Amino acid sequence: MVTVGLENKACHGLRKGEEITNRISKRLFSLKESATYLGRGLHGVRDMVWRGEIPIVRTGRKMFIDIKDLEDYVSKNKMVYE
């Protein structure tokens, strides 16, 4: 059996599984997290999803946005004023 090193969790203040998720970068963001990432409001991100500007990953009733899609959105919408 493989242990992940949670034996010192009291010292670090970590809950079970947190050490593992801290090593793996998160790929799917909630709409709220996506709004924070983009510097927009939650309703602004929902509008972007409804307009088809950003694709979603649906799990049951929950909607998530792939970080790669957020990065693509930012790259596609960059512009320089002259």
N, C-alpha and C. Protein backbone atom coordinates (compact mmCIF):
# COMPACT_ATOMS: atom_id res chain seq x y z
N MET A 1 0.83 -1.18 0.00
CA MET A 1 0.00 0.00 0.00
C MET A 1 0.88 1.25 0.00
N VAL A 2 0.50 2.24 -0.79
CA VAL A 2 1.29 3.46 -0.91
C VAL A 2 0.66 4.55 -0.06
N THR A 3 1.46 5.19 0.76
CA THR A 3 0.97 6.33 1.54
C THR A 3 1.48 7.61 0.88
N VAL A 4 0.73 8.65 1.07
CA VAL A 4 1.03 9.91 0.40
C VAL A 4 1.78 10.87 1.29
N GLY A 5 1.93 10.57 2.52
CA GLY A 5 2.66 11.46 3.41
C GLY A 5 1.75 12.39 4.19
N LEU A 6 0.59 11.90 4.59
CA LEU A 6 -0.34 12.72 5.35
C LEU A 6 -0.16 12.54 6.86
N GLU A 7 0.90 11.81 7.24
CA GLU A 7 1.10 11.56 8.66
C GLU A 7 1.40 12.83 9.44
N ASN A 8 1.89 13.87 8.80
CA ASN A 8 2.19 15.13 9.47
C ASN A 8 1.11 16.17 9.22
N LYS A 9 -0.10 15.74 8.94
CA LYS A 9 -1.15 16.69 8.56
C LYS A 9 -1.48 17.68 9.68
N ALA A 10 -1.30 17.26 10.94
CA ALA A 10 -1.57 18.18 12.04
C ALA A 10 -0.59 19.35 12.02
N CYS A 11 0.63 19.09 11.61
CA CYS A 11 1.63 20.15 11.54
C CYS A 11 1.34 21.13 10.42
N HIS A 12 0.80 20.63 9.33
CA HIS A 12 0.58 21.48 8.16
C HIS A 12 -0.83 22.06 8.10
N GLY A 13 -1.74 21.57 8.92
CA GLY A 13 -3.11 22.05 8.88
C GLY A 13 -3.86 21.57 7.64
N LEU A 14 -3.43 20.45 7.08
CA LEU A 14 -4.06 19.92 5.87
C LEU A 14 -5.11 18.88 6.22
N ARG A 15 -6.16 18.86 5.41
CA ARG A 15 -7.15 17.80 5.53
C ARG A 15 -6.75 16.67 4.60
N LYS A 16 -7.36 15.52 4.78
CA LYS A 16 -7.04 14.36 3.97
C LYS A 16 -7.24 14.67 2.48
N GLY A 17 -6.23 14.41 1.68
CA GLY A 17 -6.32 14.61 0.25
C GLY A 17 -5.83 15.97 -0.23
N GLU A 18 -5.70 16.94 0.65
CA GLU A 18 -5.29 18.29 0.24
C GLU A 18 -3.86 18.30 -0.29
N GLU A 19 -2.98 17.50 0.29
CA GLU A 19 -1.60 17.47 -0.16
C GLU A 19 -1.52 16.97 -1.60
N ILE A 20 -2.35 16.01 -1.94
CA ILE A 20 -2.37 15.47 -3.30
C ILE A 20 -2.85 16.53 -4.27
N THR A 21 -3.95 17.21 -3.95
CA THR A 21 -4.50 18.21 -4.86
C THR A 21 -3.60 19.43 -4.98
N ASN A 22 -2.77 19.70 -3.97
CA ASN A 22 -1.85 20.82 -4.05
C ASN A 22 -0.74 20.55 -5.06
N ARG A 23 -0.40 19.28 -5.28
CA ARG A 23 0.64 18.92 -6.23
C ARG A 23 0.11 18.87 -7.66
N ILE A 24 -1.17 18.62 -7.84
CA ILE A 24 -1.78 18.52 -9.16
C ILE A 24 -2.46 19.85 -9.46
N SER A 25 -2.10 20.45 -10.59
CA SER A 25 -2.73 21.72 -10.93
C SER A 25 -4.18 21.48 -11.34
N LYS A 26 -5.03 22.36 -10.93
CA LYS A 26 -6.46 22.24 -11.18
C LYS A 26 -6.75 22.59 -12.63
N ARG A 27 -7.58 21.79 -13.30
CA ARG A 27 -7.90 22.05 -14.70
C ARG A 27 -9.29 22.62 -14.89
N LEU A 28 -10.27 22.13 -14.14
CA LEU A 28 -11.64 22.61 -14.27
C LEU A 28 -11.97 23.59 -13.16
N PHE A 29 -12.47 24.76 -13.56
CA PHE A 29 -12.84 25.79 -12.61
C PHE A 29 -14.36 25.93 -12.57
N SER A 30 -14.90 26.23 -11.40
CA SER A 30 -16.32 26.56 -11.29
C SER A 30 -16.52 27.91 -11.98
N LEU A 31 -17.78 28.28 -12.20
CA LEU A 31 -18.04 29.57 -12.83
C LEU A 31 -17.52 30.71 -11.95
N LYS A 32 -17.66 30.56 -10.65
CA LYS A 32 -17.18 31.60 -9.73
C LYS A 32 -15.66 31.73 -9.80
N GLU A 33 -14.96 30.61 -9.82
CA GLU A 33 -13.50 30.64 -9.93
C GLU A 33 -13.08 31.21 -11.29
N SER A 34 -13.82 30.87 -12.34
CA SER A 34 -13.54 31.40 -13.67
C SER A 34 -13.71 32.91 -13.70
N ALA A 35 -14.74 33.39 -13.01
CA ALA A 35 -14.98 34.83 -12.94
C ALA A 35 -13.81 35.53 -12.25
N THR A 36 -13.31 34.95 -11.19
CA THR A 36 -12.16 35.51 -10.48
C THR A 36 -10.93 35.51 -11.39
N TYR A 37 -10.71 34.42 -12.10
CA TYR A 37 -9.57 34.29 -13.01
C TYR A 37 -9.61 35.37 -14.09
N LEU A 38 -10.81 35.64 -14.63
CA LEU A 38 -10.96 36.63 -15.71
C LEU A 38 -11.15 38.06 -15.20
N GLY A 39 -11.36 38.22 -13.90
CA GLY A 39 -11.59 39.55 -13.35
C GLY A 39 -12.97 40.07 -13.71
N ARG A 40 -13.93 39.18 -13.82
CA ARG A 40 -15.30 39.54 -14.17
C ARG A 40 -16.24 39.06 -13.07
N GLY A 41 -17.48 39.46 -13.18
CA GLY A 41 -18.49 38.99 -12.24
C GLY A 41 -19.03 37.64 -12.66
N LEU A 42 -19.69 36.98 -11.73
CA LEU A 42 -20.26 35.66 -12.01
C LEU A 42 -21.28 35.73 -13.14
N HIS A 43 -22.14 36.74 -13.13
CA HIS A 43 -23.15 36.86 -14.18
C HIS A 43 -22.52 37.17 -15.53
N GLY A 44 -21.42 37.89 -15.52
CA GLY A 44 -20.70 38.17 -16.76
C GLY A 44 -20.18 36.89 -17.40
N VAL A 45 -19.65 35.99 -16.57
CA VAL A 45 -19.15 34.70 -17.08
C VAL A 45 -20.31 33.84 -17.56
N ARG A 46 -21.42 33.85 -16.82
CA ARG A 46 -22.60 33.10 -17.27
C ARG A 46 -23.09 33.60 -18.62
N ASP A 47 -23.09 34.91 -18.81
CA ASP A 47 -23.49 35.48 -20.09
C ASP A 47 -22.55 35.02 -21.20
N MET A 48 -21.26 34.98 -20.92
CA MET A 48 -20.29 34.51 -21.91
C MET A 48 -20.54 33.06 -22.29
N VAL A 49 -20.90 32.25 -21.31
CA VAL A 49 -21.21 30.84 -21.57
C VAL A 49 -22.47 30.74 -22.41
N TRP A 50 -23.51 31.48 -22.04
CA TRP A 50 -24.79 31.42 -22.78
C TRP A 50 -24.65 31.93 -24.21
N ARG A 51 -23.74 32.90 -24.43
CA ARG A 51 -23.50 33.40 -25.79
C ARG A 51 -22.61 32.48 -26.60
N GLY A 52 -22.04 31.45 -25.96
CA GLY A 52 -21.19 30.50 -26.66
C GLY A 52 -19.75 30.96 -26.81
N GLU A 53 -19.34 31.97 -26.05
CA GLU A 53 -17.97 32.47 -26.13
C GLU A 53 -16.97 31.54 -25.44
N ILE A 54 -17.44 30.84 -24.42
CA ILE A 54 -16.58 29.91 -23.67
C ILE A 54 -17.33 28.60 -23.52
N PRO A 55 -16.73 27.47 -23.94
CA PRO A 55 -17.39 26.17 -23.76
C PRO A 55 -17.36 25.73 -22.29
N ILE A 56 -18.29 24.87 -21.93
CA ILE A 56 -18.36 24.37 -20.55
C ILE A 56 -18.24 22.86 -20.53
N VAL A 57 -17.90 22.35 -19.37
CA VAL A 57 -17.92 20.92 -19.08
C VAL A 57 -19.04 20.74 -18.07
N ARG A 58 -20.04 19.97 -18.41
CA ARG A 58 -21.19 19.80 -17.53
C ARG A 58 -21.10 18.43 -16.85
N THR A 59 -21.27 18.45 -15.53
CA THR A 59 -21.32 17.23 -14.73
C THR A 59 -22.62 17.28 -13.95
N GLY A 60 -23.63 16.61 -14.47
CA GLY A 60 -24.96 16.71 -13.86
C GLY A 60 -25.46 18.12 -14.06
N ARG A 61 -25.78 18.80 -12.98
CA ARG A 61 -26.26 20.18 -13.05
C ARG A 61 -25.13 21.19 -12.93
N LYS A 62 -23.95 20.73 -12.52
CA LYS A 62 -22.83 21.64 -12.31
C LYS A 62 -22.13 21.95 -13.63
N MET A 63 -21.68 23.19 -13.75
CA MET A 63 -20.94 23.61 -14.93
C MET A 63 -19.53 24.00 -14.52
N PHE A 64 -18.57 23.55 -15.32
CA PHE A 64 -17.17 23.88 -15.10
C PHE A 64 -16.59 24.41 -16.39
N ILE A 65 -15.52 25.19 -16.26
CA ILE A 65 -14.83 25.72 -17.42
C ILE A 65 -13.38 25.27 -17.36
N ASP A 66 -12.91 24.74 -18.48
CA ASP A 66 -11.54 24.26 -18.59
C ASP A 66 -10.59 25.46 -18.60
N ILE A 67 -9.53 25.39 -17.82
CA ILE A 67 -8.55 26.47 -17.75
C ILE A 67 -7.96 26.77 -19.12
N LYS A 68 -7.81 25.73 -19.94
CA LYS A 68 -7.26 25.93 -21.28
C LYS A 68 -8.20 26.78 -22.14
N ASP A 69 -9.51 26.60 -21.96
CA ASP A 69 -10.49 27.42 -22.69
C ASP A 69 -10.45 28.86 -22.21
N LEU A 70 -10.22 29.07 -20.92
CA LEU A 70 -10.09 30.43 -20.40
C LEU A 70 -8.84 31.11 -20.98
N GLU A 71 -7.74 30.36 -21.04
CA GLU A 71 -6.51 30.91 -21.60
C GLU A 71 -6.68 31.22 -23.08
N ASP A 72 -7.39 30.33 -23.82
CA ASP A 72 -7.66 30.57 -25.24
C ASP A 72 -8.51 31.82 -25.42
N TYR A 73 -9.51 31.99 -24.57
CA TYR A 73 -10.38 33.17 -24.64
C TYR A 73 -9.56 34.45 -24.46
N VAL A 74 -8.68 34.44 -23.48
CA VAL A 74 -7.84 35.62 -23.23
C VAL A 74 -6.93 35.88 -24.43
N SER A 75 -6.31 34.83 -24.96
CA SER A 75 -5.40 34.99 -26.11
C SER A 75 -6.13 35.53 -27.33
N LYS A 76 -7.33 35.02 -27.60
CA LYS A 76 -8.09 35.44 -28.78
C LYS A 76 -8.59 36.88 -28.66
N ASN A 77 -8.76 37.36 -27.45
CA ASN A 77 -9.33 38.69 -27.26
C ASN A 77 -8.29 39.75 -26.91
N LYS A 78 -7.02 39.42 -27.05
CA LYS A 78 -5.98 40.42 -26.82
C LYS A 78 -5.95 41.37 -28.01
N MET A 79 -5.72 42.62 -27.72
CA MET A 79 -5.58 43.61 -28.79
C MET A 79 -4.67 44.75 -28.34
N VAL A 80 -4.17 45.46 -29.29
CA VAL A 80 -3.29 46.59 -29.02
C VAL A 80 -3.92 47.83 -29.65
N TYR A 81 -4.06 48.88 -28.86
CA TYR A 81 -4.57 50.14 -29.40
C TYR A 81 -3.43 50.93 -30.03
N GLU A 82 -3.71 51.48 -31.16
CA GLU A 82 -2.68 52.27 -31.86
C GLU A 82 -3.01 53.73 -31.82
